[in-house]
């Protein structure tokens, strides 16, 4: 069975992506900080007929992230799809007028450096096989400047730039890299339920011509 590893897995979008791929025959590796929460999600998915396992790791702890992805590979087989979408609302949010070096660094460490650590843990194997998909998720501020998300937006925009560049560099090696920007408050506005968004992830996986998808709720 093919394997998808979801970094930042939780009961919201992570679970939605797990269900989407699980129902298409994927085994699901769930990666986040708290093993007990992972165990609960694994049990929920298994009750729905989806094969899943949880692996505890912290995006800010590069060693634990690399170790978790190695464990996924050793226990479940080659990782066919890596999806990266962690979130930490406890990190300080600064407007563009307030951004400090420290505030920018905290977001860059979490999003940009976290993405690099996760991707570089699977990319060499994908290149060696000549096959694999990497999907990196950010918020809409990575594409659309937003005065509310000063330090978050600069980190998200950096992730987006790198992801698009990585796809250009890796596509001739058989690796498909896609950036998905979710320009919505998930579950808190019309047309932005998890089930409205998750089809983009299957499109990202199945359409090799896609390098970026942006979700914005339809305006009635």
C-alpha atoms as a PDB file:
ATOM      1  CA  UNK A   1       0.000   0.000   0.000  1.00  0.00           C
ATOM      2  CA  UNK A   2       1.244   3.543  -0.672  1.00  0.00           C
ATOM      3  CA  UNK A   3       2.090   5.667   2.368  1.00  0.00           C
ATOM      4  CA  UNK A   4       1.317   9.300   3.160  1.00  0.00           C
ATOM      5  CA  UNK A   5       3.072  11.017   6.075  1.00  0.00           C
ATOM      6  CA  UNK A   6       1.204  14.026   7.479  1.00  0.00           C
ATOM      7  CA  UNK A   7       3.341  16.421   9.528  1.00  0.00           C
ATOM      8  CA  UNK A   8       1.221  18.502  11.879  1.00  0.00           C
ATOM      9  CA  UNK A   9      -1.601  15.962  12.011  1.00  0.00           C
ATOM     10  CA  UNK A  10      -4.540  16.847  14.220  1.00  0.00           C
ATOM     11  CA  UNK A  11      -8.316  16.395  14.398  1.00  0.00           C
ATOM     12  CA  UNK A  12      -8.962  19.113  11.779  1.00  0.00           C
ATOM     13  CA  UNK A  13      -7.278  19.363   8.382  1.00  0.00           C
ATOM     14  CA  UNK A  14      -4.786  16.613   9.191  1.00  0.00           C
ATOM     15  CA  UNK A  15      -7.590  14.159   9.902  1.00  0.00           C
ATOM     16  CA  UNK A  16      -9.400  15.312   6.783  1.00  0.00           C
ATOM     17  CA  UNK A  17      -6.350  14.682   4.612  1.00  0.00           C
ATOM     18  CA  UNK A  18      -5.843  11.310   6.315  1.00  0.00           C
ATOM     19  CA  UNK A  19      -9.419  10.297   5.523  1.00  0.00           C
ATOM     20  CA  UNK A  20      -9.100  11.454   1.922  1.00  0.00           C
ATOM     21  CA  UNK A  21      -5.972   9.430   1.212  1.00  0.00           C
ATOM     22  CA  UNK A  22      -6.914   6.535   3.488  1.00  0.00           C
ATOM     23  CA  UNK A  23     -10.118   5.951   1.534  1.00  0.00           C
ATOM     24  CA  UNK A  24      -8.002   5.844  -1.627  1.00  0.00           C
ATOM     25  CA  UNK A  25      -5.961   2.950  -0.268  1.00  0.00           C
ATOM     26  CA  UNK A  26      -3.094   4.768   1.450  1.00  0.00           C
ATOM     27  CA  UNK A  27      -1.608   3.835   4.781  1.00  0.00           C
ATOM     28  CA  UNK A  28      -1.382   6.980   6.913  1.00  0.00           C
ATOM     29  CA  UNK A  29       1.495   8.089   9.145  1.00  0.00           C
ATOM     30  CA  UNK A  30       0.433  10.861  11.507  1.00  0.00           C
ATOM     31  CA  UNK A  31       3.151  13.083  12.967  1.00  0.00           C
ATOM     32  CA  UNK A  32       2.676  15.671  15.691  1.00  0.00           C
ATOM     33  CA  UNK A  33       3.956  16.481  19.159  1.00  0.00           C
ATOM     34  CA  UNK A  34       1.668  14.550  21.502  1.00  0.00           C
ATOM     35  CA  UNK A  35       1.524  10.759  21.317  1.00  0.00           C
ATOM     36  CA  UNK A  36      -1.717  10.489  23.310  1.00  0.00           C
ATOM     37  CA  UNK A  37      -3.544  12.738  20.852  1.00  0.00           C
ATOM     38  CA  UNK A  38      -2.087  10.796  17.960  1.00  0.00           C
ATOM     39  CA  UNK A  39      -3.306   7.554  19.517  1.00  0.00           C
ATOM     40  CA  UNK A  40      -6.844   8.961  19.751  1.00  0.00           C
ATOM     41  CA  UNK A  41      -6.796   9.999  16.100  1.00  0.00           C
ATOM     42  CA  UNK A  42      -5.358   6.651  15.014  1.00  0.00           C
ATOM     43  CA  UNK A  43      -8.179   4.856  16.861  1.00  0.00           C
ATOM     44  CA  UNK A  44     -10.783   7.077  15.198  1.00  0.00           C
ATOM     45  CA  UNK A  45      -9.371   6.448  11.736  1.00  0.00           C
ATOM     46  CA  UNK A  46      -9.036   2.709  12.311  1.00  0.00           C
ATOM     47  CA  UNK A  47     -12.711   2.595  13.293  1.00  0.00           C
ATOM     48  CA  UNK A  48     -13.408   4.067   9.844  1.00  0.00           C
ATOM     49  CA  UNK A  49     -11.368   1.361   8.147  1.00  0.00           C
ATOM     50  CA  UNK A  50      -8.224   3.454   7.589  1.00  0.00           C
ATOM     51  CA  UNK A  51      -4.798   2.034   8.403  1.00  0.00           C
ATOM     52  CA  UNK A  52      -2.932   4.631  10.455  1.00  0.00           C
ATOM     53  CA  UNK A  53      -0.052   4.956  12.905  1.00  0.00           C
ATOM     54  CA  UNK A  54       1.105   7.860  15.041  1.00  0.00           C
ATOM     55  CA  UNK A  55       4.682   9.093  15.447  1.00  0.00           C
ATOM     56  CA  UNK A  56       5.480  11.806  17.990  1.00  0.00           C
ATOM     57  CA  UNK A  57       7.863  14.549  16.844  1.00  0.00           C
ATOM     58  CA  UNK A  58       8.256  18.302  17.254  1.00  0.00           C
ATOM     59  CA  UNK A  59       8.706  20.529  14.197  1.00  0.00           C
ATOM     60  CA  UNK A  60      11.172  22.631  16.205  1.00  0.00           C
ATOM     61  CA  UNK A  61      13.195  19.545  17.185  1.00  0.00           C
ATOM     62  CA  UNK A  62      14.869  18.626  13.905  1.00  0.00           C
ATOM     63  CA  UNK A  63      16.340  15.418  15.347  1.00  0.00           C
ATOM     64  CA  UNK A  64      12.935  14.128  16.450  1.00  0.00           C
ATOM     65  CA  UNK A  65      11.396  15.028  13.088  1.00  0.00           C
ATOM     66  CA  UNK A  66      14.068  13.190  11.136  1.00  0.00           C
ATOM     67  CA  UNK A  67      13.833  10.204  13.512  1.00  0.00           C
ATOM     68  CA  UNK A  68      10.049  10.026  13.145  1.00  0.00           C
ATOM     69  CA  UNK A  69      10.232  10.001   9.350  1.00  0.00           C
ATOM     70  CA  UNK A  70      12.940   7.325   9.444  1.00  0.00           C
ATOM     71  CA  UNK A  71      10.683   5.258  11.717  1.00  0.00           C
ATOM     72  CA  UNK A  72       7.784   5.711   9.304  1.00  0.00           C
ATOM     73  CA  UNK A  73       9.920   4.449   6.453  1.00  0.00           C
ATOM     74  CA  UNK A  74      11.275   1.485   8.428  1.00  0.00           C
ATOM     75  CA  UNK A  75       7.913   0.386   9.821  1.00  0.00           C
ATOM     76  CA  UNK A  76       5.513   1.262   6.992  1.00  0.00           C
ATOM     77  CA  UNK A  77       7.666   1.370   3.870  1.00  0.00           C
ATOM     78  CA  UNK A  78       8.697   4.117   1.489  1.00  0.00           C
ATOM     79  CA  UNK A  79       6.913   7.446   1.925  1.00  0.00           C
ATOM     80  CA  UNK A  80       5.056   8.159  -1.296  1.00  0.00           C
ATOM     81  CA  UNK A  81       3.515  11.465  -0.174  1.00  0.00           C
ATOM     82  CA  UNK A  82       4.732  13.937   2.445  1.00  0.00           C
ATOM     83  CA  UNK A  83       2.233  16.584   3.539  1.00  0.00           C
ATOM     84  CA  UNK A  84       3.514  19.407   5.756  1.00  0.00           C
ATOM     85  CA  UNK A  85       0.947  21.582   7.554  1.00  0.00           C
ATOM     86  CA  UNK A  86       1.842  22.200  11.208  1.00  0.00           C
ATOM     87  CA  UNK A  87       0.336  25.084  13.144  1.00  0.00           C
ATOM     88  CA  UNK A  88       1.211  26.706  16.466  1.00  0.00           C
ATOM     89  CA  UNK A  89      -1.172  29.505  17.475  1.00  0.00           C
ATOM     90  CA  UNK A  90       0.869  30.099  20.625  1.00  0.00           C
ATOM     91  CA  UNK A  91       3.669  31.715  18.603  1.00  0.00           C
ATOM     92  CA  UNK A  92       3.494  35.534  18.854  1.00  0.00           C
ATOM     93  CA  UNK A  93       1.733  37.213  15.941  1.00  0.00           C
ATOM     94  CA  UNK A  94       3.031  40.623  14.865  1.00  0.00           C
ATOM     95  CA  UNK A  95       1.675  43.113  12.365  1.00  0.00           C
ATOM     96  CA  UNK A  96       4.050  44.454   9.688  1.00  0.00           C
ATOM     97  CA  UNK A  97       4.555  47.576  11.825  1.00  0.00           C
ATOM     98  CA  UNK A  98       5.477  45.509  14.863  1.00  0.00           C
ATOM     99  CA  UNK A  99       7.696  42.822  13.326  1.00  0.00           C
ATOM    100  CA  UNK A 100      10.931  42.299  15.205  1.00  0.00           C
ATOM    101  CA  UNK A 101      13.890  40.116  14.340  1.00  0.00           C
ATOM    102  CA  UNK A 102      12.907  37.796  17.172  1.00  0.00           C
ATOM    103  CA  UNK A 103       9.277  37.655  16.044  1.00  0.00           C
ATOM    104  CA  UNK A 104      10.270  36.867  12.488  1.00  0.00           C
ATOM    105  CA  UNK A 105      12.784  34.266  13.630  1.00  0.00           C
ATOM    106  CA  UNK A 106      10.237  32.330  15.688  1.00  0.00           C
ATOM    107  CA  UNK A 107       7.958  31.959  12.669  1.00  0.00           C
ATOM    108  CA  UNK A 108      10.806  31.131  10.291  1.00  0.00           C
ATOM    109  CA  UNK A 109      12.112  28.468  12.677  1.00  0.00           C
ATOM    110  CA  UNK A 110       8.704  26.846  12.874  1.00  0.00           C
ATOM    111  CA  UNK A 111       7.494  27.066   9.283  1.00  0.00           C
ATOM    112  CA  UNK A 112      10.480  27.535   6.991  1.00  0.00           C
ATOM    113  CA  UNK A 113      13.114  25.574   8.840  1.00  0.00           C
ATOM    114  CA  UNK A 114      10.545  22.985   9.906  1.00  0.00           C
ATOM    115  CA  UNK A 115       9.544  22.442   6.287  1.00  0.00           C
ATOM    116  CA  UNK A 116      13.163  22.134   5.172  1.00  0.00           C
ATOM    117  CA  UNK A 117      13.927  19.549   7.877  1.00  0.00           C
ATOM    118  CA  UNK A 118      10.873  17.445   7.027  1.00  0.00           C
ATOM    119  CA  UNK A 119      11.316  17.620   3.269  1.00  0.00           C
ATOM    120  CA  UNK A 120      15.039  16.871   3.339  1.00  0.00           C
ATOM    121  CA  UNK A 121      14.254  13.767   5.404  1.00  0.00           C
ATOM    122  CA  UNK A 122      12.297  12.235   2.503  1.00  0.00           C
ATOM    123  CA  UNK A 123      13.595  13.982  -0.633  1.00  0.00           C
ATOM    124  CA  UNK A 124      16.788  11.938  -1.191  1.00  0.00           C
ATOM    125  CA  UNK A 125      14.810   8.671  -1.136  1.00  0.00           C
ATOM    126  CA  UNK A 126      12.196  10.082  -3.507  1.00  0.00           C
ATOM    127  CA  UNK A 127      14.900  11.243  -5.920  1.00  0.00           C
ATOM    128  CA  UNK A 128      16.618   7.859  -5.754  1.00  0.00           C
ATOM    129  CA  UNK A 129      13.315   6.120  -6.594  1.00  0.00           C
ATOM    130  CA  UNK A 130      12.419   8.732  -9.187  1.00  0.00           C
ATOM    131  CA  UNK A 131       8.978   9.087  -7.666  1.00  0.00           C
ATOM    132  CA  UNK A 132       7.232  10.967  -4.858  1.00  0.00           C
ATOM    133  CA  UNK A 133       4.956  13.856  -3.978  1.00  0.00           C
ATOM    134  CA  UNK A 134       5.522  16.625  -1.453  1.00  0.00           C
ATOM    135  CA  UNK A 135       2.644  18.912  -0.492  1.00  0.00           C
ATOM    136  CA  UNK A 136       3.358  21.994   1.635  1.00  0.00           C
ATOM    137  CA  UNK A 137       0.458  23.942   3.129  1.00  0.00           C
ATOM    138  CA  UNK A 138       0.415  27.586   4.232  1.00  0.00           C
ATOM    139  CA  UNK A 139      -2.229  30.201   4.897  1.00  0.00           C
ATOM    140  CA  UNK A 140      -3.488  32.658   2.340  1.00  0.00           C
ATOM    141  CA  UNK A 141      -1.112  35.383   3.528  1.00  0.00           C
ATOM    142  CA  UNK A 142       1.691  33.575   1.707  1.00  0.00           C
ATOM    143  CA  UNK A 143       0.038  34.678  -1.535  1.00  0.00           C
ATOM    144  CA  UNK A 144      -2.069  37.684  -0.514  1.00  0.00           C
ATOM    145  CA  UNK A 145      -0.320  40.262   1.718  1.00  0.00           C
ATOM    146  CA  UNK A 146      -2.290  40.774   4.913  1.00  0.00           C
ATOM    147  CA  UNK A 147      -1.563  43.446   7.511  1.00  0.00           C
ATOM    148  CA  UNK A 148      -2.782  41.153  10.285  1.00  0.00           C
ATOM    149  CA  UNK A 149      -0.164  38.479   9.718  1.00  0.00           C
ATOM    150  CA  UNK A 150       3.115  40.382   9.461  1.00  0.00           C
ATOM    151  CA  UNK A 151       5.645  37.895  10.825  1.00  0.00           C
ATOM    152  CA  UNK A 152       3.535  34.848   9.929  1.00  0.00           C
ATOM    153  CA  UNK A 153       3.118  36.048   6.345  1.00  0.00           C
ATOM    154  CA  UNK A 154       6.823  36.593   5.775  1.00  0.00           C
ATOM    155  CA  UNK A 155       7.577  33.052   6.927  1.00  0.00           C
ATOM    156  CA  UNK A 156       4.697  31.606   4.899  1.00  0.00           C
ATOM    157  CA  UNK A 157       5.802  33.527   1.802  1.00  0.00           C
ATOM    158  CA  UNK A 158       9.326  32.177   2.224  1.00  0.00           C
ATOM    159  CA  UNK A 159       7.943  28.632   2.440  1.00  0.00           C
ATOM    160  CA  UNK A 160       5.878  29.230  -0.707  1.00  0.00           C
ATOM    161  CA  UNK A 161       8.847  30.582  -2.659  1.00  0.00           C
ATOM    162  CA  UNK A 162      11.037  27.651  -1.690  1.00  0.00           C
ATOM    163  CA  UNK A 163       8.302  25.107  -2.443  1.00  0.00           C
ATOM    164  CA  UNK A 164       7.717  26.460  -5.951  1.00  0.00           C
ATOM    165  CA  UNK A 165      11.457  26.606  -6.596  1.00  0.00           C
ATOM    166  CA  UNK A 166      11.862  23.067  -5.281  1.00  0.00           C
ATOM    167  CA  UNK A 167       9.221  21.789  -7.676  1.00  0.00           C
ATOM    168  CA  UNK A 168      11.041  23.406 -10.601  1.00  0.00           C
ATOM    169  CA  UNK A 169      14.291  21.769  -9.517  1.00  0.00           C
ATOM    170  CA  UNK A 170      12.898  18.324  -8.655  1.00  0.00           C
ATOM    171  CA  UNK A 171      10.338  17.638 -11.357  1.00  0.00           C
ATOM    172  CA  UNK A 172      12.865  16.222 -13.815  1.00  0.00           C
ATOM    173  CA  UNK A 173      13.942  13.827 -11.048  1.00  0.00           C
ATOM    174  CA  UNK A 174      10.432  12.408 -10.732  1.00  0.00           C
ATOM    175  CA  UNK A 175       9.465  14.340  -7.597  1.00  0.00           C
ATOM    176  CA  UNK A 176       6.350  16.502  -7.644  1.00  0.00           C
ATOM    177  CA  UNK A 177       6.178  19.397  -5.151  1.00  0.00           C
ATOM    178  CA  UNK A 178       2.988  21.400  -4.635  1.00  0.00           C
ATOM    179  CA  UNK A 179       2.175  24.444  -2.526  1.00  0.00           C
ATOM    180  CA  UNK A 180      -1.374  24.774  -1.194  1.00  0.00           C
ATOM    181  CA  UNK A 181      -2.494  28.091   0.310  1.00  0.00           C
ATOM    182  CA  UNK A 182      -5.692  28.055   2.355  1.00  0.00           C
ATOM    183  CA  UNK A 183      -7.102  31.553   2.208  1.00  0.00           C
ATOM    184  CA  UNK A 184      -9.901  30.955   4.708  1.00  0.00           C
ATOM    185  CA  UNK A 185     -10.808  30.494   8.351  1.00  0.00           C
ATOM    186  CA  UNK A 186     -11.292  26.738   8.239  1.00  0.00           C
ATOM    187  CA  UNK A 187     -14.666  25.716   9.629  1.00  0.00           C
ATOM    188  CA  UNK A 188     -15.548  29.265  10.613  1.00  0.00           C
ATOM    189  CA  UNK A 189     -16.970  30.728   7.427  1.00  0.00           C
ATOM    190  CA  UNK A 190     -19.349  29.504   4.736  1.00  0.00           C
ATOM    191  CA  UNK A 191     -17.770  27.291   2.133  1.00  0.00           C
ATOM    192  CA  UNK A 192     -14.629  26.653   4.170  1.00  0.00           C
ATOM    193  CA  UNK A 193     -15.357  23.318   5.785  1.00  0.00           C
ATOM    194  CA  UNK A 194     -12.629  20.699   5.779  1.00  0.00           C
ATOM    195  CA  UNK A 195     -14.499  18.674   3.162  1.00  0.00           C
ATOM    196  CA  UNK A 196     -14.524  21.750   0.905  1.00  0.00           C
ATOM    197  CA  UNK A 197     -10.733  22.000   1.059  1.00  0.00           C
ATOM    198  CA  UNK A 198      -9.436  18.427   1.044  1.00  0.00           C
ATOM    199  CA  UNK A 199     -10.176  17.736  -2.661  1.00  0.00           C
ATOM    200  CA  UNK A 200      -7.298  20.106  -3.471  1.00  0.00           C
ATOM    201  CA  UNK A 201      -4.933  17.632  -1.840  1.00  0.00           C
ATOM    202  CA  UNK A 202      -5.960  14.798  -4.099  1.00  0.00           C
ATOM    203  CA  UNK A 203      -5.645  17.124  -7.089  1.00  0.00           C
ATOM    204  CA  UNK A 204      -2.158  18.078  -5.902  1.00  0.00           C
ATOM    205  CA  UNK A 205      -1.216  14.408  -5.708  1.00  0.00           C
ATOM    206  CA  UNK A 206      -2.814  13.244  -8.941  1.00  0.00           C
ATOM    207  CA  UNK A 207      -2.086  16.128 -11.328  1.00  0.00           C
ATOM    208  CA  UNK A 208       1.628  16.384 -12.029  1.00  0.00           C
ATOM    209  CA  UNK A 209       1.133  19.674 -13.890  1.00  0.00           C
ATOM    210  CA  UNK A 210       0.013  21.451 -10.706  1.00  0.00           C
ATOM    211  CA  UNK A 211       2.588  23.368  -8.670  1.00  0.00           C
ATOM    212  CA  UNK A 212       0.259  25.582  -6.631  1.00  0.00           C
ATOM    213  CA  UNK A 213      -3.374  25.548  -5.543  1.00  0.00           C
ATOM    214  CA  UNK A 214      -5.099  28.347  -3.651  1.00  0.00           C
ATOM    215  CA  UNK A 215      -8.320  27.731  -1.769  1.00  0.00           C
ATOM    216  CA  UNK A 216     -10.682  30.655  -1.272  1.00  0.00           C
ATOM    217  CA  UNK A 217     -14.352  30.106  -0.345  1.00  0.00           C
ATOM    218  CA  UNK A 218     -16.822  30.754  -3.126  1.00  0.00           C
ATOM    219  CA  UNK A 219     -18.670  34.054  -2.653  1.00  0.00           C
ATOM    220  CA  UNK A 220     -22.413  33.664  -3.155  1.00  0.00           C
END
